[in-house]
Amino acid sequence: MGADARAAVHWMFHGRSAATHPKETRVKCILRQRLRRLSREVGMTTAEYAVGTLAACAFAAVLLLVVKSGAVRAALASVITAALGTAS
């Protein structure tokens, strides 16, 4: 295989010319393989964000129900009234 053919094959698989890309060391090859493996797991983070968002929404709904209850509303009103100094 001639140099031009090798450069063409290299470009097809790596997307850059062999002349501008120095030979990789073993460590670089290992790091590149690990990065490829990590990039395959990108979708999992999206699922984790979705579960976290649902949990936060559920917590907000429960908190809203608690704050709207009569006992908590009365306690908050008494705290605000005491803080403003307008006790009647």
Protein backbone atom coordinates (compact mmCIF):
# COMPACT_ATOMS: atom_id res chain seq x y z
CA MET A 1 0.00 0.00 0.00
CA GLY A 2 1.41 3.37 -0.99
CA ALA A 3 1.75 6.42 1.23
CA ASP A 4 -1.24 8.13 -0.41
CA ALA A 5 -3.45 5.10 0.14
CA ARG A 6 -2.35 4.85 3.77
CA ALA A 7 -3.11 8.55 4.31
CA ALA A 8 -6.55 8.09 2.73
CA VAL A 9 -7.36 5.12 4.95
CA HIS A 10 -6.10 6.99 8.00
CA TRP A 11 -8.28 9.97 7.10
CA MET A 12 -11.35 7.74 6.66
CA PHE A 13 -10.99 6.20 10.11
CA HIS A 14 -9.57 9.12 12.09
CA GLY A 15 -10.85 12.18 10.24
CA ARG A 16 -7.48 13.89 9.92
CA SER A 17 -4.42 13.46 7.78
CA ALA A 18 -1.64 11.17 8.93
CA ALA A 19 0.90 13.92 8.25
CA THR A 20 -0.56 16.17 10.95
CA HIS A 21 -1.24 13.38 13.42
CA PRO A 22 1.84 11.97 15.18
CA LYS A 23 1.92 8.30 16.06
CA GLU A 24 0.05 7.58 19.24
CA THR A 25 1.68 5.98 22.23
CA ARG A 26 0.16 3.03 24.01
CA VAL A 27 -1.11 5.29 26.81
CA LYS A 28 -2.95 7.54 24.34
CA CYS A 29 -4.58 4.49 22.75
CA ILE A 30 -5.76 3.24 26.14
CA LEU A 31 -7.12 6.66 27.08
CA ARG A 32 -8.93 6.96 23.77
CA GLN A 33 -10.56 3.53 24.29
CA ARG A 34 -11.69 4.49 27.79
CA LEU A 35 -13.17 7.76 26.53
CA ARG A 36 -15.10 5.86 23.86
CA ARG A 37 -16.49 3.54 26.53
CA LEU A 38 -17.53 6.49 28.68
CA SER A 39 -19.22 8.24 25.79
CA ARG A 40 -21.47 5.23 25.28
CA GLU A 41 -22.92 5.75 28.77
CA VAL A 42 -24.04 9.33 28.17
CA GLY A 43 -27.72 8.36 28.03
CA MET A 44 -27.63 7.11 31.59
CA THR A 45 -27.03 10.60 32.95
CA THR A 46 -30.15 11.81 31.18
CA ALA A 47 -32.19 9.10 32.91
CA GLU A 48 -30.65 10.03 36.26
CA TYR A 49 -31.59 13.68 35.72
CA ALA A 50 -35.14 12.64 34.87
CA VAL A 51 -35.48 10.60 38.06
CA GLY A 52 -33.99 13.45 40.11
CA THR A 53 -36.40 15.94 38.55
CA LEU A 54 -39.39 13.70 39.30
CA ALA A 55 -38.23 13.28 42.91
CA ALA A 56 -37.85 17.06 43.30
CA CYS A 57 -41.35 17.64 41.88
CA ALA A 58 -42.83 15.04 44.23
CA PHE A 59 -41.07 16.64 47.21
CA ALA A 60 -42.35 20.09 46.16
CA ALA A 61 -45.92 18.75 45.93
CA VAL A 62 -45.72 17.23 49.42
CA LEU A 63 -44.20 20.43 50.81
CA LEU A 64 -46.98 22.48 49.22
CA LEU A 65 -49.64 20.27 50.83
CA VAL A 66 -47.96 20.60 54.22
CA VAL A 67 -47.62 24.38 53.98
CA LYS A 68 -51.27 24.77 52.90
CA SER A 69 -52.54 22.80 55.90
CA GLY A 70 -54.41 24.76 58.59
CA ALA A 71 -51.96 24.14 61.43
CA VAL A 72 -48.90 25.22 59.47
CA ARG A 73 -50.72 28.22 58.01
CA ALA A 74 -51.71 29.39 61.51
CA ALA A 75 -48.15 28.89 62.80
CA LEU A 76 -46.68 30.84 59.89
CA ALA A 77 -49.21 33.63 60.37
CA SER A 78 -48.34 33.91 64.08
CA VAL A 79 -44.60 34.02 63.29
CA ILE A 80 -45.10 36.73 60.68
CA THR A 81 -47.39 38.70 62.97
CA ALA A 82 -44.87 38.49 65.82
CA ALA A 83 -42.02 39.52 63.51
CA LEU A 84 -43.91 42.55 62.26
CA GLY A 85 -44.95 43.50 65.78
CA THR A 86 -48.60 43.91 64.88
CA ALA A 87 -50.03 41.53 67.44
CA SER A 88 -53.68 42.20 68.08
